[in-house]
Protein backbone atom coordinates (compact mmCIF):
# COMPACT_ATOMS: atom_id res chain seq x y z
CA MET A 1 56.52 115.58 162.80
CA LYS A 2 59.54 114.01 161.14
CA ILE A 3 57.38 111.09 160.03
CA LEU A 4 54.86 113.43 158.41
CA PHE A 5 57.62 115.10 156.39
CA HIS A 6 58.88 111.68 155.31
CA TYR A 7 55.44 110.85 153.93
CA TYR A 8 55.19 114.27 152.29
CA LYS A 9 58.54 113.83 150.54
CA SER A 10 57.67 110.30 149.45
CA LEU A 11 54.35 111.45 148.06
CA HIS A 12 56.01 114.21 146.07
CA SER A 13 58.36 111.79 144.39
CA PHE A 14 55.30 111.05 142.22
CA ASN A 15 53.59 114.43 142.29
CA ILE A 16 56.36 116.80 141.23
CA PRO A 17 57.46 114.94 138.05
CA PHE A 18 53.83 114.59 136.96
CA SER A 19 53.12 118.26 137.67
CA LEU A 20 56.22 119.33 135.76
CA LEU A 21 55.11 117.26 132.79
CA VAL A 22 51.64 118.81 132.86
CA SER A 23 53.11 122.30 133.22
CA LEU A 24 54.85 121.92 129.85
CA PHE A 25 51.45 122.28 128.21
CA GLY A 26 51.64 125.91 129.29
CA LEU A 27 54.27 126.52 126.62
CA ILE A 28 51.45 126.64 124.10
CA GLY A 29 50.09 130.12 123.56
CA PRO A 30 50.99 133.56 124.92
CA ASN A 31 52.28 134.28 128.44
CA LYS A 32 54.30 131.09 128.47
CA LEU A 33 55.92 131.47 131.90
CA GLU A 34 52.66 132.42 133.58
CA ASN A 35 50.85 129.50 131.94
CA VAL A 36 53.57 127.06 132.97
CA MET A 37 53.41 128.22 136.59
CA GLN A 38 49.61 128.08 136.68
CA ASN A 39 49.54 124.60 135.15
CA PHE A 40 52.16 123.41 137.63
CA PHE A 41 50.29 124.63 140.70
CA ILE A 42 46.90 123.46 139.44
CA SER A 43 48.34 120.01 138.83
CA LEU A 44 50.21 120.04 142.14
CA MET A 45 46.98 120.67 144.03
CA THR A 46 44.52 118.56 142.05
CA GLY A 47 45.25 115.71 139.66
CA GLY A 48 48.92 115.35 140.48
CA PHE A 49 48.18 115.09 144.17
CA LEU A 50 45.41 112.54 143.68
CA LEU A 51 47.55 110.46 141.33
CA SER A 52 50.47 110.55 143.73
CA VAL A 53 48.26 109.31 146.59
CA PHE A 54 46.95 106.55 144.33
CA PHE A 55 50.38 105.46 143.08
CA TYR A 56 51.91 105.69 146.54
CA GLY A 57 49.16 103.38 147.78
CA LEU A 58 49.88 100.91 144.99
CA VAL A 59 53.66 100.88 145.27
CA PHE A 60 54.14 101.37 149.01
CA GLU A 61 50.96 99.83 150.38
CA ASN A 62 52.74 98.24 153.35
CA ARG A 63 54.27 101.52 154.48
CA TYR A 64 50.87 102.71 155.67
CA TYR A 65 51.17 100.10 158.44
CA PHE A 66 54.37 101.80 159.58
CA TYR A 67 52.63 105.17 159.77
CA TYR A 68 49.60 103.63 161.47
CA ASN A 69 51.82 102.04 164.12
CA LYS A 70 53.33 105.47 164.77
CA GLY A 71 49.83 106.88 165.34
CA TYR A 72 49.05 108.45 161.94
CA SER A 73 46.04 107.34 159.95
CA LYS A 74 46.04 107.37 156.16
CA MET A 75 43.48 110.19 156.11
CA ARG A 76 45.57 112.28 158.49
CA LEU A 77 48.68 111.81 156.33
CA ILE A 78 46.86 112.78 153.16
CA THR A 79 45.14 115.78 154.76
CA TRP A 80 48.36 117.05 156.29
CA SER A 81 50.19 116.70 152.96
CA TYR A 82 47.46 118.55 151.09
CA LEU A 83 47.46 121.37 153.61
CA LEU A 84 51.23 121.60 153.38
CA ASN A 85 50.85 121.97 149.60
CA LEU A 86 48.88 125.15 150.22
CA LEU A 87 52.03 126.97 151.38
CA PRO A 88 53.78 127.13 147.98
CA LEU A 89 50.44 127.94 146.36
CA LEU A 90 49.94 130.80 148.78
CA VAL A 91 53.44 132.15 148.07
CA TYR A 92 52.79 131.97 144.33
CA ALA A 93 49.42 133.71 144.71
CA LEU A 94 50.97 136.52 146.77
CA ILE A 95 53.73 136.99 144.21
CA LYS A 96 51.19 137.07 141.38
CA ILE A 97 48.84 139.48 143.15
CA PHE A 98 51.43 141.93 144.44
CA GLY A 99 53.85 141.54 141.54
CA LEU A 100 56.88 140.93 143.75
């Protein structure tokens, strides 16, 4: 499990800065804070995640051998990381729905 978190953290070293940059486009128009948060989570789950997987594969291509030797395939790492991304999205959705 520790290895999966290591991959997740490494993947987000690309994803979070990109998602923050995309979220700044939410400053245009009304409801600025809501737009920024929506843009951040949409980017975190879609384009930012795909770009981070792509860039991680380019920069750290040899690290996938390490994970494979520990028993984790590339698809399993990516799937697990995407599913783990659903937790902050779920928290945000609950806060937005119930107005906490």
